[in-house]
């Protein structure tokens, strides 16, 4: 029986991988900081239950919802479970002179979890890894040029990476489970910097050509995580859980194409110089350590605390700090989250194993 279930997991995973390109390129609604690194990284705030607690739940077992936040918790999957989520947002960007409102809808995640035996469970899924979507315009005055000469710089970027994963969890002893995921990360990022010089007194738009630096990078490689979870009893009414997840440092292979174009005011290409053609490199994503603690009454209450640390100062893309062509150092991050789950009524089908 478990062989059939495992084959089904792999089959669904391949289907998700085949349809994944359709989920790429979903906009963030102009996120200026997505210009850095590989874009805005998915914080991996878990499934529906974990997101409802503020993105925490590294140590919170549950038999109804899929908790891929900690792969070791997949063991608690009681029945075949499928989940899908869509994220939406509306935000306002403003500076001293302008204001802009943007909205977007993106794929949150797809996940399927299956209990393979009494002590073994698995899952497959698809989720965003990072996303790039920005556009900004900067007007500057040329200090050393003729009076009144201005330069318009337009920065644009789009794309992102997706992650298709397969996870496994196994019970080693009473209350102790281990797990892990292997993921295939893939996608592409396009960035464009256009520079247009507007000398004073020029009234003919046909004379306002632009110089455009285009960069297209395609990434693909595997990433891995290991996890552990332990659950014990405080007394007859309360239980505690401890969880830890370690995401190993990854070097995601990339292929970069860079060109320098000259365009007219309508955006038509007048000339192209190929600067790089299929230049190979990699993005080095630093390791991440996560730890969580949870207390529950095995019925309708759960309180959780999660801590995560990642040394983004070690990030490199094609050997450059902060991303290819950027050179902006990134800071290390520490994320602390506190959340609770108090459902008003505990449905009879929800069970949380004391093991």
C-alpha atoms as a PDB file:
ATOM      1  CA  UNK A   1       0.000   0.000   0.000  1.00  0.00           C
ATOM      2  CA  UNK A   2       2.748   2.455   0.937  1.00  0.00           C
ATOM      3  CA  UNK A   3       4.403   1.870  -2.435  1.00  0.00           C
ATOM      4  CA  UNK A   4       1.240   3.003  -4.208  1.00  0.00           C
ATOM      5  CA  UNK A   5       1.011   6.097  -2.002  1.00  0.00           C
ATOM      6  CA  UNK A   6       4.663   6.936  -2.555  1.00  0.00           C
ATOM      7  CA  UNK A   7       4.252   6.537  -6.304  1.00  0.00           C
ATOM      8  CA  UNK A   8       1.264   8.872  -6.133  1.00  0.00           C
ATOM      9  CA  UNK A   9       3.329  11.470  -4.269  1.00  0.00           C
ATOM     10  CA  UNK A  10       6.046  11.365  -6.898  1.00  0.00           C
ATOM     11  CA  UNK A  11       3.479  11.563  -9.697  1.00  0.00           C
ATOM     12  CA  UNK A  12       1.795  14.608  -8.201  1.00  0.00           C
ATOM     13  CA  UNK A  13       5.187  16.193  -7.653  1.00  0.00           C
ATOM     14  CA  UNK A  14       6.060  15.779 -11.321  1.00  0.00           C
ATOM     15  CA  UNK A  15       2.710  17.270 -12.320  1.00  0.00           C
ATOM     16  CA  UNK A  16       3.365  20.259 -10.083  1.00  0.00           C
ATOM     17  CA  UNK A  17       6.825  20.659 -11.590  1.00  0.00           C
ATOM     18  CA  UNK A  18       5.348  20.586 -15.085  1.00  0.00           C
ATOM     19  CA  UNK A  19       2.827  23.312 -14.274  1.00  0.00           C
ATOM     20  CA  UNK A  20       5.208  25.406 -12.171  1.00  0.00           C
ATOM     21  CA  UNK A  21       6.299  27.733 -14.987  1.00  0.00           C
ATOM     22  CA  UNK A  22       2.722  28.994 -15.125  1.00  0.00           C
ATOM     23  CA  UNK A  23       3.078  30.246 -11.555  1.00  0.00           C
ATOM     24  CA  UNK A  24       6.165  32.348 -12.230  1.00  0.00           C
ATOM     25  CA  UNK A  25       6.240  36.003 -13.034  1.00  0.00           C
ATOM     26  CA  UNK A  26       3.439  36.849 -10.620  1.00  0.00           C
ATOM     27  CA  UNK A  27       3.864  40.467  -9.559  1.00  0.00           C
ATOM     28  CA  UNK A  28       4.447  41.746  -6.058  1.00  0.00           C
ATOM     29  CA  UNK A  29       2.890  45.071  -6.947  1.00  0.00           C
ATOM     30  CA  UNK A  30       6.175  47.005  -7.271  1.00  0.00           C
ATOM     31  CA  UNK A  31       8.498  45.977  -4.453  1.00  0.00           C
ATOM     32  CA  UNK A  32      11.607  48.194  -4.709  1.00  0.00           C
ATOM     33  CA  UNK A  33      13.789  46.012  -2.485  1.00  0.00           C
ATOM     34  CA  UNK A  34      13.219  42.991  -4.716  1.00  0.00           C
ATOM     35  CA  UNK A  35      16.030  44.467  -6.807  1.00  0.00           C
ATOM     36  CA  UNK A  36      18.478  43.048  -4.250  1.00  0.00           C
ATOM     37  CA  UNK A  37      19.713  39.472  -4.126  1.00  0.00           C
ATOM     38  CA  UNK A  38      17.355  36.999  -5.766  1.00  0.00           C
ATOM     39  CA  UNK A  39      14.367  39.197  -4.988  1.00  0.00           C
ATOM     40  CA  UNK A  40      11.971  39.139  -2.058  1.00  0.00           C
ATOM     41  CA  UNK A  41      12.456  35.747  -0.439  1.00  0.00           C
ATOM     42  CA  UNK A  42       9.546  33.617   0.634  1.00  0.00           C
ATOM     43  CA  UNK A  43       9.730  33.508   4.423  1.00  0.00           C
ATOM     44  CA  UNK A  44       8.169  30.023   4.430  1.00  0.00           C
ATOM     45  CA  UNK A  45       5.438  30.869   6.907  1.00  0.00           C
ATOM     46  CA  UNK A  46       3.985  27.372   6.599  1.00  0.00           C
ATOM     47  CA  UNK A  47       0.478  26.308   5.693  1.00  0.00           C
ATOM     48  CA  UNK A  48      -2.919  27.754   6.527  1.00  0.00           C
ATOM     49  CA  UNK A  49      -2.706  27.000  10.261  1.00  0.00           C
ATOM     50  CA  UNK A  50       0.824  28.380  10.645  1.00  0.00           C
ATOM     51  CA  UNK A  51       0.032  31.525   8.663  1.00  0.00           C
ATOM     52  CA  UNK A  52      -2.981  32.063  10.895  1.00  0.00           C
ATOM     53  CA  UNK A  53      -0.592  32.152  13.864  1.00  0.00           C
ATOM     54  CA  UNK A  54       1.665  34.767  12.312  1.00  0.00           C
ATOM     55  CA  UNK A  55       3.864  32.352  10.395  1.00  0.00           C
ATOM     56  CA  UNK A  56       4.973  30.304  13.413  1.00  0.00           C
ATOM     57  CA  UNK A  57       4.553  26.625  14.219  1.00  0.00           C
ATOM     58  CA  UNK A  58       7.954  24.938  13.955  1.00  0.00           C
ATOM     59  CA  UNK A  59       7.047  22.796  16.949  1.00  0.00           C
ATOM     60  CA  UNK A  60       3.235  22.675  16.636  1.00  0.00           C
ATOM     61  CA  UNK A  61       1.980  19.242  15.508  1.00  0.00           C
ATOM     62  CA  UNK A  62      -1.439  18.897  13.917  1.00  0.00           C
ATOM     63  CA  UNK A  63      -3.174  16.023  12.174  1.00  0.00           C
ATOM     64  CA  UNK A  64      -5.485  18.083   9.948  1.00  0.00           C
ATOM     65  CA  UNK A  65      -3.336  20.757   8.294  1.00  0.00           C
ATOM     66  CA  UNK A  66      -0.041  20.234   6.493  1.00  0.00           C
ATOM     67  CA  UNK A  67       2.907  21.709   8.379  1.00  0.00           C
ATOM     68  CA  UNK A  68       5.818  21.799   5.946  1.00  0.00           C
ATOM     69  CA  UNK A  69       7.384  24.561   8.022  1.00  0.00           C
ATOM     70  CA  UNK A  70       9.024  21.695   9.931  1.00  0.00           C
ATOM     71  CA  UNK A  71       9.273  18.549   7.756  1.00  0.00           C
ATOM     72  CA  UNK A  72       9.491  16.348  10.864  1.00  0.00           C
ATOM     73  CA  UNK A  73       5.867  17.288  11.648  1.00  0.00           C
ATOM     74  CA  UNK A  74       4.637  15.585   8.475  1.00  0.00           C
ATOM     75  CA  UNK A  75       4.603  12.420  10.592  1.00  0.00           C
ATOM     76  CA  UNK A  76       1.396  13.636  12.250  1.00  0.00           C
ATOM     77  CA  UNK A  77      -0.511  13.524   8.946  1.00  0.00           C
ATOM     78  CA  UNK A  78      -3.588  11.426   9.746  1.00  0.00           C
ATOM     79  CA  UNK A  79      -5.074  11.163   6.252  1.00  0.00           C
ATOM     80  CA  UNK A  80      -4.341  12.194   2.697  1.00  0.00           C
ATOM     81  CA  UNK A  81      -4.503  15.991   2.730  1.00  0.00           C
ATOM     82  CA  UNK A  82      -4.354  18.517  -0.100  1.00  0.00           C
ATOM     83  CA  UNK A  83      -4.012  22.258   0.401  1.00  0.00           C
ATOM     84  CA  UNK A  84      -3.813  25.265  -1.900  1.00  0.00           C
ATOM     85  CA  UNK A  85      -3.424  28.922  -0.977  1.00  0.00           C
ATOM     86  CA  UNK A  86      -3.454  32.227  -2.856  1.00  0.00           C
ATOM     87  CA  UNK A  87      -1.947  35.401  -1.400  1.00  0.00           C
ATOM     88  CA  UNK A  88      -3.196  38.908  -2.142  1.00  0.00           C
ATOM     89  CA  UNK A  89      -1.966  42.311  -1.097  1.00  0.00           C
ATOM     90  CA  UNK A  90      -2.631  46.018  -1.539  1.00  0.00           C
ATOM     91  CA  UNK A  91       0.049  48.529  -0.617  1.00  0.00           C
ATOM     92  CA  UNK A  92       0.922  52.179  -1.050  1.00  0.00           C
ATOM     93  CA  UNK A  93       4.368  53.476  -1.999  1.00  0.00           C
ATOM     94  CA  UNK A  94       5.108  57.151  -1.450  1.00  0.00           C
ATOM     95  CA  UNK A  95       7.926  59.629  -1.259  1.00  0.00           C
ATOM     96  CA  UNK A  96       8.006  63.384  -0.667  1.00  0.00           C
ATOM     97  CA  UNK A  97       6.277  64.197  -3.952  1.00  0.00           C
ATOM     98  CA  UNK A  98       4.445  61.120  -5.270  1.00  0.00           C
ATOM     99  CA  UNK A  99       2.234  58.281  -4.107  1.00  0.00           C
ATOM    100  CA  UNK A 100       1.400  54.998  -5.806  1.00  0.00           C
ATOM    101  CA  UNK A 101      -0.967  52.184  -4.829  1.00  0.00           C
ATOM    102  CA  UNK A 102      -0.327  48.643  -6.070  1.00  0.00           C
ATOM    103  CA  UNK A 103      -2.126  45.345  -5.654  1.00  0.00           C
ATOM    104  CA  UNK A 104      -1.352  41.771  -6.611  1.00  0.00           C
ATOM    105  CA  UNK A 105      -2.397  38.158  -6.238  1.00  0.00           C
ATOM    106  CA  UNK A 106       0.106  35.311  -6.195  1.00  0.00           C
ATOM    107  CA  UNK A 107       0.247  31.591  -5.569  1.00  0.00           C
ATOM    108  CA  UNK A 108       0.754  30.924  -1.872  1.00  0.00           C
ATOM    109  CA  UNK A 109       1.506  27.213  -2.084  1.00  0.00           C
ATOM    110  CA  UNK A 110       0.317  23.810  -3.243  1.00  0.00           C
ATOM    111  CA  UNK A 111       0.836  20.829  -0.949  1.00  0.00           C
ATOM    112  CA  UNK A 112      -0.183  17.178  -0.727  1.00  0.00           C
ATOM    113  CA  UNK A 113       0.626  15.040   2.322  1.00  0.00           C
ATOM    114  CA  UNK A 114       0.072  11.291   2.649  1.00  0.00           C
ATOM    115  CA  UNK A 115       0.566   8.923   5.619  1.00  0.00           C
ATOM    116  CA  UNK A 116       2.653   6.049   4.228  1.00  0.00           C
ATOM    117  CA  UNK A 117       2.629   3.877   7.366  1.00  0.00           C
ATOM    118  CA  UNK A 118       2.143   4.182  11.129  1.00  0.00           C
ATOM    119  CA  UNK A 119       5.567   5.748  11.520  1.00  0.00           C
ATOM    120  CA  UNK A 120       6.184   7.300   8.107  1.00  0.00           C
ATOM    121  CA  UNK A 121       4.595  10.112   6.097  1.00  0.00           C
ATOM    122  CA  UNK A 122       5.508  12.118   3.034  1.00  0.00           C
ATOM    123  CA  UNK A 123       4.519  15.243   1.151  1.00  0.00           C
ATOM    124  CA  UNK A 124       5.095  17.049  -2.126  1.00  0.00           C
ATOM    125  CA  UNK A 125       4.461  20.677  -2.887  1.00  0.00           C
ATOM    126  CA  UNK A 126       5.125  23.780  -4.896  1.00  0.00           C
ATOM    127  CA  UNK A 127       5.698  27.257  -3.496  1.00  0.00           C
ATOM    128  CA  UNK A 128       7.444  30.516  -4.375  1.00  0.00           C
ATOM    129  CA  UNK A 129      11.121  30.749  -3.473  1.00  0.00           C
ATOM    130  CA  UNK A 130      11.609  34.404  -4.360  1.00  0.00           C
ATOM    131  CA  UNK A 131       9.935  37.078  -6.466  1.00  0.00           C
ATOM    132  CA  UNK A 132      11.157  40.144  -8.356  1.00  0.00           C
ATOM    133  CA  UNK A 133       8.829  42.954  -9.393  1.00  0.00           C
ATOM    134  CA  UNK A 134       9.897  46.592  -9.328  1.00  0.00           C
ATOM    135  CA  UNK A 135       9.984  49.764 -11.383  1.00  0.00           C
ATOM    136  CA  UNK A 136      11.448  53.073 -10.307  1.00  0.00           C
ATOM    137  CA  UNK A 137      12.386  56.277 -12.117  1.00  0.00           C
ATOM    138  CA  UNK A 138      15.115  58.692 -11.080  1.00  0.00           C
ATOM    139  CA  UNK A 139      15.678  62.122 -12.645  1.00  0.00           C
ATOM    140  CA  UNK A 140      19.077  63.707 -12.086  1.00  0.00           C
ATOM    141  CA  UNK A 141      20.774  66.863 -13.279  1.00  0.00           C
ATOM    142  CA  UNK A 142      24.151  66.464 -14.978  1.00  0.00           C
ATOM    143  CA  UNK A 143      26.520  68.562 -12.893  1.00  0.00           C
ATOM    144  CA  UNK A 144      29.393  68.647 -15.388  1.00  0.00           C
ATOM    145  CA  UNK A 145      27.257  68.969 -18.517  1.00  0.00           C
ATOM    146  CA  UNK A 146      25.489  71.866 -20.208  1.00  0.00           C
ATOM    147  CA  UNK A 147      23.117  73.779 -17.969  1.00  0.00           C
ATOM    148  CA  UNK A 148      19.695  72.183 -17.719  1.00  0.00           C
ATOM    149  CA  UNK A 149      20.787  68.756 -18.979  1.00  0.00           C
ATOM    150  CA  UNK A 150      18.886  65.988 -17.205  1.00  0.00           C
ATOM    151  CA  UNK A 151      19.300  62.219 -17.016  1.00  0.00           C
ATOM    152  CA  UNK A 152      16.342  59.889 -16.617  1.00  0.00           C
ATOM    153  CA  UNK A 153      17.177  56.461 -15.197  1.00  0.00           C
ATOM    154  CA  UNK A 154      14.531  53.760 -15.189  1.00  0.00           C
ATOM    155  CA  UNK A 155      15.071  50.582 -13.160  1.00  0.00           C
ATOM    156  CA  UNK A 156      12.833  47.600 -13.928  1.00  0.00           C
ATOM    157  CA  UNK A 157      12.815  43.968 -12.886  1.00  0.00           C
ATOM    158  CA  UNK A 158      10.521  40.963 -12.989  1.00  0.00           C
ATOM    159  CA  UNK A 159      10.560  37.209 -12.533  1.00  0.00           C
ATOM    160  CA  UNK A 160      11.432  34.995  -9.605  1.00  0.00           C
ATOM    161  CA  UNK A 161      12.186  31.463  -8.512  1.00  0.00           C
ATOM    162  CA  UNK A 162       9.869  28.599  -7.596  1.00  0.00           C
ATOM    163  CA  UNK A 163      10.486  25.593  -5.367  1.00  0.00           C
ATOM    164  CA  UNK A 164       9.127  22.089  -5.985  1.00  0.00           C
ATOM    165  CA  UNK A 165       9.849  19.824  -3.026  1.00  0.00           C
ATOM    166  CA  UNK A 166       9.359  16.349  -1.654  1.00  0.00           C
ATOM    167  CA  UNK A 167       9.409  15.846   2.111  1.00  0.00           C
ATOM    168  CA  UNK A 168       9.605  12.801   4.370  1.00  0.00           C
ATOM    169  CA  UNK A 169       9.088  12.312   8.103  1.00  0.00           C
ATOM    170  CA  UNK A 170       9.783   9.261  10.257  1.00  0.00           C
ATOM    171  CA  UNK A 171       9.128   8.418  13.890  1.00  0.00           C
ATOM    172  CA  UNK A 172      12.275   7.172  15.638  1.00  0.00           C
ATOM    173  CA  UNK A 173      10.881   6.758  19.158  1.00  0.00           C
ATOM    174  CA  UNK A 174       7.966   7.845  21.292  1.00  0.00           C
ATOM    175  CA  UNK A 175       7.586  11.575  20.800  1.00  0.00           C
ATOM    176  CA  UNK A 176      10.687  11.847  18.579  1.00  0.00           C
ATOM    177  CA  UNK A 177      10.420  12.375  14.822  1.00  0.00           C
ATOM    178  CA  UNK A 178      12.887  13.431  12.151  1.00  0.00           C
ATOM    179  CA  UNK A 179      12.302  14.713   8.654  1.00  0.00           C
ATOM    180  CA  UNK A 180      13.751  16.445   5.668  1.00  0.00           C
ATOM    181  CA  UNK A 181      13.008  17.918   2.274  1.00  0.00           C
ATOM    182  CA  UNK A 182      14.768  17.898  -1.064  1.00  0.00           C
ATOM    183  CA  UNK A 183      13.706  20.739  -3.342  1.00  0.00           C
ATOM    184  CA  UNK A 184      14.355  21.751  -6.917  1.00  0.00           C
ATOM    185  CA  UNK A 185      14.639  25.523  -7.202  1.00  0.00           C
ATOM    186  CA  UNK A 186      14.271  27.043 -10.649  1.00  0.00           C
ATOM    187  CA  UNK A 187      13.246  30.208 -12.452  1.00  0.00           C
ATOM    188  CA  UNK A 188      14.587  33.331 -14.108  1.00  0.00           C
ATOM    189  CA  UNK A 189      15.075  37.007 -13.307  1.00  0.00           C
ATOM    190  CA  UNK A 190      15.093  39.853 -15.828  1.00  0.00           C
ATOM    191  CA  UNK A 191      16.495  43.257 -14.912  1.00  0.00           C
ATOM    192  CA  UNK A 192      16.695  46.384 -17.032  1.00  0.00           C
ATOM    193  CA  UNK A 193      18.372  49.753 -16.485  1.00  0.00           C
ATOM    194  CA  UNK A 194      17.580  52.433 -19.078  1.00  0.00           C
ATOM    195  CA  UNK A 195      19.439  55.750 -19.185  1.00  0.00           C
ATOM    196  CA  UNK A 196      18.184  58.672 -21.251  1.00  0.00           C
ATOM    197  CA  UNK A 197      19.963  62.022 -21.505  1.00  0.00           C
ATOM    198  CA  UNK A 198      17.760  65.049 -22.217  1.00  0.00           C
ATOM    199  CA  UNK A 199      19.866  68.120 -23.084  1.00  0.00           C
ATOM    200  CA  UNK A 200      18.297  71.493 -22.447  1.00  0.00           C
ATOM    201  CA  UNK A 201      16.510  72.941 -25.440  1.00  0.00           C
ATOM    202  CA  UNK A 202      15.932  69.638 -27.257  1.00  0.00           C
ATOM    203  CA  UNK A 203      12.318  69.551 -28.443  1.00  0.00           C
ATOM    204  CA  UNK A 204      12.487  66.735 -30.997  1.00  0.00           C
ATOM    205  CA  UNK A 205      11.673  63.436 -29.187  1.00  0.00           C
ATOM    206  CA  UNK A 206      13.385  61.441 -31.950  1.00  0.00           C
ATOM    207  CA  UNK A 207      16.712  62.752 -30.662  1.00  0.00           C
ATOM    208  CA  UNK A 208      16.163  61.297 -27.175  1.00  0.00           C
ATOM    209  CA  UNK A 209      17.637  57.821 -27.528  1.00  0.00           C
ATOM    210  CA  UNK A 210      18.183  55.562 -24.508  1.00  0.00           C
ATOM    211  CA  UNK A 211      21.020  53.251 -23.537  1.00  0.00           C
ATOM    212  CA  UNK A 212      19.617  50.099 -21.937  1.00  0.00           C
ATOM    213  CA  UNK A 213      21.502  47.479 -19.936  1.00  0.00           C
ATOM    214  CA  UNK A 214      19.605  44.169 -20.030  1.00  0.00           C
ATOM    215  CA  UNK A 215      20.330  41.190 -17.807  1.00  0.00           C
ATOM    216  CA  UNK A 216      18.612  37.801 -17.949  1.00  0.00           C
ATOM    217  CA  UNK A 217      19.634  35.121 -15.436  1.00  0.00           C
ATOM    218  CA  UNK A 218      18.223  31.606 -15.343  1.00  0.00           C
ATOM    219  CA  UNK A 219      18.686  29.641 -12.103  1.00  0.00           C
ATOM    220  CA  UNK A 220      18.209  25.952 -11.285  1.00  0.00           C
ATOM    221  CA  UNK A 221      19.561  23.607  -8.621  1.00  0.00           C
ATOM    222  CA  UNK A 222      18.670  21.522  -5.562  1.00  0.00           C
ATOM    223  CA  UNK A 223      18.355  22.598  -1.925  1.00  0.00           C
ATOM    224  CA  UNK A 224      18.008  20.501   1.240  1.00  0.00           C
ATOM    225  CA  UNK A 225      16.628  20.813   4.775  1.00  0.00           C
ATOM    226  CA  UNK A 226      16.853  18.616   7.849  1.00  0.00           C
ATOM    227  CA  UNK A 227      14.448  18.706  10.806  1.00  0.00           C
ATOM    228  CA  UNK A 228      13.746  17.186  14.206  1.00  0.00           C
ATOM    229  CA  UNK A 229      10.793  17.357  16.606  1.00  0.00           C
ATOM    230  CA  UNK A 230      10.198  16.106  20.130  1.00  0.00           C
ATOM    231  CA  UNK A 231       6.920  16.078  22.029  1.00  0.00           C
ATOM    232  CA  UNK A 232       6.483  15.346  25.719  1.00  0.00           C
ATOM    233  CA  UNK A 233       4.095  15.890  28.619  1.00  0.00           C
ATOM    234  CA  UNK A 234       4.332  18.642  31.217  1.00  0.00           C
ATOM    235  CA  UNK A 235       1.456  17.217  33.226  1.00  0.00           C
ATOM    236  CA  UNK A 236      -1.833  15.457  32.559  1.00  0.00           C
ATOM    237  CA  UNK A 237      -3.274  18.542  30.843  1.00  0.00           C
ATOM    238  CA  UNK A 238      -0.367  20.217  29.067  1.00  0.00           C
ATOM    239  CA  UNK A 239       2.196  19.056  26.519  1.00  0.00           C
ATOM    240  CA  UNK A 240       5.344  20.699  25.221  1.00  0.00           C
ATOM    241  CA  UNK A 241       7.037  20.375  21.850  1.00  0.00           C
ATOM    242  CA  UNK A 242      10.501  21.335  20.629  1.00  0.00           C
ATOM    243  CA  UNK A 243      11.401  21.647  16.969  1.00  0.00           C
ATOM    244  CA  UNK A 244      14.441  22.538  14.940  1.00  0.00           C
ATOM    245  CA  UNK A 245      15.051  22.992  11.211  1.00  0.00           C
ATOM    246  CA  UNK A 246      18.341  23.537   9.426  1.00  0.00           C
ATOM    247  CA  UNK A 247      18.420  24.684   5.817  1.00  0.00           C
ATOM    248  CA  UNK A 248      21.781  23.855   4.323  1.00  0.00           C
ATOM    249  CA  UNK A 249      23.776  26.442   2.406  1.00  0.00           C
ATOM    250  CA  UNK A 250      23.064  26.155  -1.292  1.00  0.00           C
ATOM    251  CA  UNK A 251      24.844  27.172  -4.462  1.00  0.00           C
ATOM    252  CA  UNK A 252      22.164  27.629  -7.101  1.00  0.00           C
ATOM    253  CA  UNK A 253      23.620  27.382 -10.594  1.00  0.00           C
ATOM    254  CA  UNK A 254      22.876  30.268 -12.932  1.00  0.00           C
ATOM    255  CA  UNK A 255      23.355  31.206 -16.578  1.00  0.00           C
ATOM    256  CA  UNK A 256      23.525  34.924 -17.357  1.00  0.00           C
ATOM    257  CA  UNK A 257      23.053  36.851 -20.589  1.00  0.00           C
ATOM    258  CA  UNK A 258      23.865  40.563 -20.623  1.00  0.00           C
ATOM    259  CA  UNK A 259      23.478  43.019 -23.471  1.00  0.00           C
ATOM    260  CA  UNK A 260      23.688  46.757 -24.069  1.00  0.00           C
ATOM    261  CA  UNK A 261      20.970  48.181 -26.307  1.00  0.00           C
ATOM    262  CA  UNK A 262      20.300  51.553 -27.840  1.00  0.00           C
ATOM    263  CA  UNK A 263      16.603  52.357 -28.200  1.00  0.00           C
ATOM    264  CA  UNK A 264      14.608  55.227 -29.621  1.00  0.00           C
ATOM    265  CA  UNK A 265      12.013  57.135 -27.625  1.00  0.00           C
ATOM    266  CA  UNK A 266       9.337  54.551 -28.574  1.00  0.00           C
ATOM    267  CA  UNK A 267      11.408  51.673 -27.205  1.00  0.00           C
ATOM    268  CA  UNK A 268      12.434  50.261 -30.577  1.00  0.00           C
ATOM    269  CA  UNK A 269      15.854  48.645 -30.643  1.00  0.00           C
ATOM    270  CA  UNK A 270      18.387  50.533 -32.757  1.00  0.00           C
ATOM    271  CA  UNK A 271      21.533  48.640 -31.850  1.00  0.00           C
ATOM    272  CA  UNK A 272      22.640  45.758 -29.605  1.00  0.00           C
ATOM    273  CA  UNK A 273      26.021  44.823 -28.164  1.00  0.00           C
ATOM    274  CA  UNK A 274      26.197  41.387 -26.513  1.00  0.00           C
ATOM    275  CA  UNK A 275      28.309  41.733 -23.370  1.00  0.00           C
ATOM    276  CA  UNK A 276      27.843  38.211 -21.977  1.00  0.00           C
ATOM    277  CA  UNK A 277      26.439  35.115 -23.648  1.00  0.00           C
ATOM    278  CA  UNK A 278      25.512  32.129 -21.442  1.00  0.00           C
ATOM    279  CA  UNK A 279      27.937  33.152 -18.714  1.00  0.00           C
ATOM    280  CA  UNK A 280      27.883  30.480 -15.986  1.00  0.00           C
ATOM    281  CA  UNK A 281      27.865  31.358 -12.309  1.00  0.00           C
ATOM    282  CA  UNK A 282      25.990  30.682  -9.093  1.00  0.00           C
ATOM    283  CA  UNK A 283      24.036  32.283  -6.291  1.00  0.00           C
ATOM    284  CA  UNK A 284      25.301  31.304  -2.860  1.00  0.00           C
ATOM    285  CA  UNK A 285      22.406  31.350  -0.425  1.00  0.00           C
ATOM    286  CA  UNK A 286      23.510  31.128   3.235  1.00  0.00           C
ATOM    287  CA  UNK A 287      22.302  28.455   5.623  1.00  0.00           C
ATOM    288  CA  UNK A 288      19.376  29.134   7.958  1.00  0.00           C
ATOM    289  CA  UNK A 289      18.790  27.796  11.472  1.00  0.00           C
ATOM    290  CA  UNK A 290      15.305  27.736  13.021  1.00  0.00           C
ATOM    291  CA  UNK A 291      14.096  26.717  16.469  1.00  0.00           C
ATOM    292  CA  UNK A 292      10.605  26.548  17.913  1.00  0.00           C
ATOM    293  CA  UNK A 293       8.811  25.698  21.125  1.00  0.00           C
ATOM    294  CA  UNK A 294       5.113  24.967  21.559  1.00  0.00           C
ATOM    295  CA  UNK A 295       2.757  24.334  24.471  1.00  0.00           C
ATOM    296  CA  UNK A 296      -0.719  22.862  23.975  1.00  0.00           C
ATOM    297  CA  UNK A 297      -3.495  21.161  25.907  1.00  0.00           C
ATOM    298  CA  UNK A 298      -4.022  18.451  23.266  1.00  0.00           C
ATOM    299  CA  UNK A 299      -7.481  19.895  22.622  1.00  0.00           C
ATOM    300  CA  UNK A 300      -8.088  23.447  21.511  1.00  0.00           C
ATOM    301  CA  UNK A 301      -5.136  25.563  22.575  1.00  0.00           C
ATOM    302  CA  UNK A 302      -1.600  26.002  21.274  1.00  0.00           C
ATOM    303  CA  UNK A 303       0.994  28.726  22.001  1.00  0.00           C
ATOM    304  CA  UNK A 304       4.149  28.899  19.898  1.00  0.00           C
ATOM    305  CA  UNK A 305       7.453  30.748  19.753  1.00  0.00           C
ATOM    306  CA  UNK A 306       9.789  30.537  16.734  1.00  0.00           C
ATOM    307  CA  UNK A 307      13.250  31.995  16.133  1.00  0.00           C
ATOM    308  CA  UNK A 308      15.164  32.003  12.824  1.00  0.00           C
ATOM    309  CA  UNK A 309      18.628  33.257  11.907  1.00  0.00           C
ATOM    310  CA  UNK A 310      20.268  33.611   8.492  1.00  0.00           C
ATOM    311  CA  UNK A 311      23.603  35.246   7.577  1.00  0.00           C
ATOM    312  CA  UNK A 312      22.634  37.175   4.461  1.00  0.00           C
ATOM    313  CA  UNK A 313      25.946  39.036   4.615  1.00  0.00           C
ATOM    314  CA  UNK A 314      27.434  35.889   3.050  1.00  0.00           C
ATOM    315  CA  UNK A 315      25.108  35.994   0.048  1.00  0.00           C
ATOM    316  CA  UNK A 316      26.810  36.190  -3.328  1.00  0.00           C
ATOM    317  CA  UNK A 317      25.484  36.079  -6.874  1.00  0.00           C
ATOM    318  CA  UNK A 318      28.016  35.622  -9.644  1.00  0.00           C
ATOM    319  CA  UNK A 319      30.648  36.577  -7.086  1.00  0.00           C
ATOM    320  CA  UNK A 320      29.058  39.930  -6.248  1.00  0.00           C
ATOM    321  CA  UNK A 321      27.741  40.899  -2.813  1.00  0.00           C
ATOM    322  CA  UNK A 322      24.010  41.531  -2.791  1.00  0.00           C
ATOM    323  CA  UNK A 323      23.398  40.213  -6.282  1.00  0.00           C
ATOM    324  CA  UNK A 324      24.749  40.349  -9.804  1.00  0.00           C
ATOM    325  CA  UNK A 325      25.238  43.922 -10.926  1.00  0.00           C
ATOM    326  CA  UNK A 326      24.086  45.419  -7.600  1.00  0.00           C
ATOM    327  CA  UNK A 327      26.969  45.230  -5.136  1.00  0.00           C
ATOM    328  CA  UNK A 328      24.872  46.271  -2.130  1.00  0.00           C
ATOM    329  CA  UNK A 329      25.817  44.314   1.031  1.00  0.00           C
ATOM    330  CA  UNK A 330      22.937  42.547   2.751  1.00  0.00           C
ATOM    331  CA  UNK A 331      22.434  42.369   6.515  1.00  0.00           C
ATOM    332  CA  UNK A 332      22.039  39.246   8.610  1.00  0.00           C
ATOM    333  CA  UNK A 333      18.480  38.582   9.719  1.00  0.00           C
ATOM    334  CA  UNK A 334      16.901  37.379  12.944  1.00  0.00           C
ATOM    335  CA  UNK A 335      13.188  36.633  12.886  1.00  0.00           C
ATOM    336  CA  UNK A 336      11.179  36.058  16.066  1.00  0.00           C
ATOM    337  CA  UNK A 337       7.531  35.079  15.939  1.00  0.00           C
ATOM    338  CA  UNK A 338       4.922  34.449  18.624  1.00  0.00           C
ATOM    339  CA  UNK A 339       1.512  33.005  17.833  1.00  0.00           C
ATOM    340  CA  UNK A 340      -1.384  31.064  19.286  1.00  0.00           C
ATOM    341  CA  UNK A 341      -4.251  28.928  18.067  1.00  0.00           C
ATOM    342  CA  UNK A 342      -7.552  28.901  19.972  1.00  0.00           C
ATOM    343  CA  UNK A 343     -10.366  27.445  17.844  1.00  0.00           C
ATOM    344  CA  UNK A 344     -13.817  28.152  19.346  1.00  0.00           C
ATOM    345  CA  UNK A 345     -14.989  24.593  18.794  1.00  0.00           C
ATOM    346  CA  UNK A 346     -12.804  21.536  18.411  1.00  0.00           C
ATOM    347  CA  UNK A 347     -14.203  19.395  15.574  1.00  0.00           C
ATOM    348  CA  UNK A 348     -14.351  15.698  16.447  1.00  0.00           C
ATOM    349  CA  UNK A 349     -12.025  14.754  13.578  1.00  0.00           C
ATOM    350  CA  UNK A 350      -9.101  16.853  14.869  1.00  0.00           C
ATOM    351  CA  UNK A 351      -6.618  14.805  16.832  1.00  0.00           C
ATOM    352  CA  UNK A 352      -3.146  15.665  18.064  1.00  0.00           C
ATOM    353  CA  UNK A 353      -1.173  12.601  18.981  1.00  0.00           C
ATOM    354  CA  UNK A 354       0.583  12.715  22.346  1.00  0.00           C
ATOM    355  CA  UNK A 355       3.465  10.911  20.681  1.00  0.00           C
END
